[in-house]
C-alpha atoms as a PDB file:
ATOM      1  CA  MET A   1      92.777  90.564 121.998  1.00  0.00           C
ATOM      2  CA  ASN A   2      96.389  91.286 122.982  1.00  0.00           C
ATOM      3  CA  VAL A   3      98.897  92.656 120.488  1.00  0.00           C
ATOM      4  CA  GLU A   4     102.458  92.614 121.822  1.00  0.00           C
ATOM      5  CA  LEU A   5     106.056  93.105 120.783  1.00  0.00           C
ATOM      6  CA  THR A   6     108.665  92.140 123.382  1.00  0.00           C
ATOM      7  CA  ARG A   7     112.471  92.178 123.216  1.00  0.00           C
ATOM      8  CA  PHE A   8     114.551  89.507 124.959  1.00  0.00           C
ATOM      9  CA  ARG A   9     118.341  89.443 125.207  1.00  0.00           C
ATOM     10  CA  VAL A  10     120.176  86.323 124.084  1.00  0.00           C
ATOM     11  CA  LYS A  11     122.862  84.974 126.421  1.00  0.00           C
ATOM     12  CA  GLU A  12     126.452  85.572 125.300  1.00  0.00           C
ATOM     13  CA  GLY A  13     127.792  82.744 123.149  1.00  0.00           C
ATOM     14  CA  LYS A  14     124.362  81.248 122.355  1.00  0.00           C
ATOM     15  CA  SER A  15     123.920  82.501 118.770  1.00  0.00           C
ATOM     16  CA  GLU A  16     124.532  79.065 117.254  1.00  0.00           C
ATOM     17  CA  ILE A  17     121.978  77.518 119.614  1.00  0.00           C
ATOM     18  CA  VAL A  18     119.508  80.258 118.601  1.00  0.00           C
ATOM     19  CA  ASP A  19     120.161  79.282 114.952  1.00  0.00           C
ATOM     20  CA  GLU A  20     119.331  75.686 115.905  1.00  0.00           C
ATOM     21  CA  TRP A  21     116.216  76.789 117.847  1.00  0.00           C
ATOM     22  CA  LEU A  22     114.781  78.848 115.007  1.00  0.00           C
ATOM     23  CA  LYS A  23     115.547  76.078 112.508  1.00  0.00           C
ATOM     24  CA  PHE A  24     113.803  73.613 114.845  1.00  0.00           C
ATOM     25  CA  LEU A  25     110.668  75.799 114.883  1.00  0.00           C
ATOM     26  CA  ASN A  26     110.701  76.232 111.098  1.00  0.00           C
ATOM     27  CA  ASP A  27     111.358  72.535 110.473  1.00  0.00           C
ATOM     28  CA  ASN A  28     108.486  71.504 112.786  1.00  0.00           C
ATOM     29  CA  MET A  29     105.996  74.188 111.792  1.00  0.00           C
ATOM     30  CA  GLU A  30     103.067  71.784 111.450  1.00  0.00           C
ATOM     31  CA  ASP A  31     103.346  70.819 115.139  1.00  0.00           C
ATOM     32  CA  VAL A  32     104.131  74.395 116.168  1.00  0.00           C
ATOM     33  CA  LEU A  33     100.902  75.600 114.579  1.00  0.00           C
ATOM     34  CA  LEU A  34      98.900  72.907 116.392  1.00  0.00           C
ATOM     35  CA  THR A  35     100.074  74.195 119.774  1.00  0.00           C
ATOM     36  CA  LEU A  36      99.093  77.781 118.973  1.00  0.00           C
ATOM     37  CA  GLU A  37      95.389  76.911 119.006  1.00  0.00           C
ATOM     38  CA  GLY A  38      95.349  76.118 122.735  1.00  0.00           C
ATOM     39  CA  GLU A  39      97.232  79.323 123.456  1.00  0.00           C
ATOM     40  CA  LYS A  40      94.695  81.272 121.385  1.00  0.00           C
ATOM     41  CA  MET A  41      97.746  82.596 119.569  1.00  0.00           C
ATOM     42  CA  TYR A  42      96.553  83.974 116.249  1.00  0.00           C
ATOM     43  CA  VAL A  43      99.920  85.326 115.079  1.00  0.00           C
ATOM     44  CA  GLU A  44     103.369  84.745 116.548  1.00  0.00           C
ATOM     45  CA  THR A  45     106.496  85.992 114.820  1.00  0.00           C
ATOM     46  CA  ILE A  46     110.097  85.994 116.028  1.00  0.00           C
ATOM     47  CA  PHE A  47     112.526  88.676 114.883  1.00  0.00           C
ATOM     48  CA  ARG A  48     116.270  88.728 115.481  1.00  0.00           C
ATOM     49  CA  GLU A  49     118.587  91.717 115.902  1.00  0.00           C
ATOM     50  CA  GLU A  50     122.189  92.548 116.769  1.00  0.00           C
ATOM     51  CA  LEU A  51     122.301  95.853 118.681  1.00  0.00           C
ATOM     52  CA  ASN A  52     125.250  97.481 120.460  1.00  0.00           C
ATOM     53  CA  GLY A  53     127.148  94.195 120.648  1.00  0.00           C
ATOM     54  CA  HIS A  54     124.207  92.177 122.004  1.00  0.00           C
ATOM     55  CA  GLU A  55     121.844  89.811 120.259  1.00  0.00           C
ATOM     56  CA  TYR A  56     118.101  90.113 120.807  1.00  0.00           C
ATOM     57  CA  LEU A  57     115.012  88.158 119.860  1.00  0.00           C
ATOM     58  CA  TYR A  58     111.698  89.963 119.511  1.00  0.00           C
ATOM     59  CA  TRP A  59     108.348  88.233 119.858  1.00  0.00           C
ATOM     60  CA  TYR A  60     105.424  89.813 118.023  1.00  0.00           C
ATOM     61  CA  SER A  61     102.069  88.266 118.797  1.00  0.00           C
ATOM     62  CA  ILE A  62      98.353  88.653 118.444  1.00  0.00           C
ATOM     63  CA  GLN A  63      96.655  86.529 121.071  1.00  0.00           C
ATOM     64  CA  GLY A  64      93.105  85.997 122.246  1.00  0.00           C
ATOM     65  CA  GLU A  65      92.003  86.183 125.855  1.00  0.00           C
ATOM     66  CA  ASN A  66      92.441  83.273 128.287  1.00  0.00           C
ATOM     67  CA  GLY A  67      94.760  81.156 126.156  1.00  0.00           C
ATOM     68  CA  GLN A  68      96.792  78.323 127.676  1.00  0.00           C
ATOM     69  CA  ASP A  69     100.250  79.346 128.868  1.00  0.00           C
ATOM     70  CA  VAL A  70     103.013  77.629 126.875  1.00  0.00           C
ATOM     71  CA  GLU A  71     104.576  76.398 130.143  1.00  0.00           C
ATOM     72  CA  ALA A  72     101.367  74.475 130.896  1.00  0.00           C
ATOM     73  CA  SER A  73     101.510  72.588 127.602  1.00  0.00           C
ATOM     74  CA  SER A  74     102.389  68.889 127.550  1.00  0.00           C
ATOM     75  CA  HIS A  75     103.102  68.903 123.809  1.00  0.00           C
ATOM     76  CA  TRP A  76     106.643  67.797 122.926  1.00  0.00           C
ATOM     77  CA  ILE A  77     107.207  70.831 120.687  1.00  0.00           C
ATOM     78  CA  ASP A  78     106.458  73.250 123.547  1.00  0.00           C
ATOM     79  CA  LYS A  79     108.711  71.322 125.934  1.00  0.00           C
ATOM     80  CA  LYS A  80     111.598  71.545 123.450  1.00  0.00           C
ATOM     81  CA  HIS A  81     110.822  75.230 122.817  1.00  0.00           C
ATOM     82  CA  ILE A  82     111.056  75.922 126.559  1.00  0.00           C
ATOM     83  CA  GLU A  83     114.372  74.021 126.744  1.00  0.00           C
ATOM     84  CA  TYR A  84     115.800  76.296 124.052  1.00  0.00           C
ATOM     85  CA  TRP A  85     114.344  79.335 125.819  1.00  0.00           C
ATOM     86  CA  LYS A  86     116.040  78.449 129.102  1.00  0.00           C
ATOM     87  CA  GLU A  87     119.342  77.823 127.357  1.00  0.00           C
ATOM     88  CA  CYS A  88     119.324  80.959 125.207  1.00  0.00           C
ATOM     89  CA  ILE A  89     117.345  83.786 126.827  1.00  0.00           C
ATOM     90  CA  ASP A  90     119.198  85.927 129.373  1.00  0.00           C
ATOM     91  CA  GLU A  91     116.821  86.096 132.340  1.00  0.00           C
ATOM     92  CA  ARG A  92     119.051  88.726 134.002  1.00  0.00           C
ATOM     93  CA  PHE A  93     118.004  91.200 131.311  1.00  0.00           C
ATOM     94  CA  LYS A  94     114.503  92.538 131.891  1.00  0.00           C
ATOM     95  CA  PRO A  95     112.395  91.960 128.771  1.00  0.00           C
ATOM     96  CA  VAL A  96     111.266  95.154 127.059  1.00  0.00           C
ATOM     97  CA  ASP A  97     107.597  95.396 126.084  1.00  0.00           C
ATOM     98  CA  LEU A  98     107.285  97.937 123.324  1.00  0.00           C
ATOM     99  CA  LYS A  99     104.275 100.199 123.640  1.00  0.00           C
ATOM    100  CA  THR A 100     101.408  99.466 121.268  1.00  0.00           C
ATOM    101  CA  GLU A 101     100.270 102.730 119.727  1.00  0.00           C
ATOM    102  CA  VAL A 102      98.100 101.700 116.777  1.00  0.00           C
ATOM    103  CA  VAL A 103      96.606  98.339 115.828  1.00  0.00           C
ATOM    104  CA  MET A 104      95.521  98.141 112.197  1.00  0.00           C
ATOM    105  CA  ILE A 105      93.500  94.999 111.554  1.00  0.00           C
ATOM    106  CA  PRO A 106      90.621  95.152 109.074  1.00  0.00           C
ATOM    107  CA  ASN A 107      87.249  94.420 110.669  1.00  0.00           C
ATOM    108  CA  ASN A 108      86.652  91.237 108.666  1.00  0.00           C
ATOM    109  CA  ILE A 109      89.951  89.796 109.911  1.00  0.00           C
ATOM    110  CA  ARG A 110      89.439  91.079 113.468  1.00  0.00           C
ATOM    111  CA  LYS A 111      86.011  89.363 113.590  1.00  0.00           C
ATOM    112  CA  SER A 112      87.510  86.074 112.469  1.00  0.00           C
ATOM    113  CA  LEU A 113      90.119  86.317 115.261  1.00  0.00           C
ATOM    114  CA  MET A 114      87.544  86.732 118.001  1.00  0.00           C
END
């Protein structure tokens, strides 16, 4: 099981498109949740922050081993998600993986995830 929190910088001038992207995900949650099964993605949460004049998105996830990569998906929701990603995420900024120090998941929940 992988528990991750990663920070990505948003391209300058793309805040309104990020608003649209996040609304798209929320508005299509039923389809979003269907695609998570193939990825073995148990929890995926997106956070948003303004820091030192830059906008960032953070992805928090709990994922099982050997899940399908989102780029390999043929589902329309993943294709649209990747379109937004390419338009909004600044690939020139190296993503920051925050270091996992403690994972607190009760055993009964952990067992159901595996």
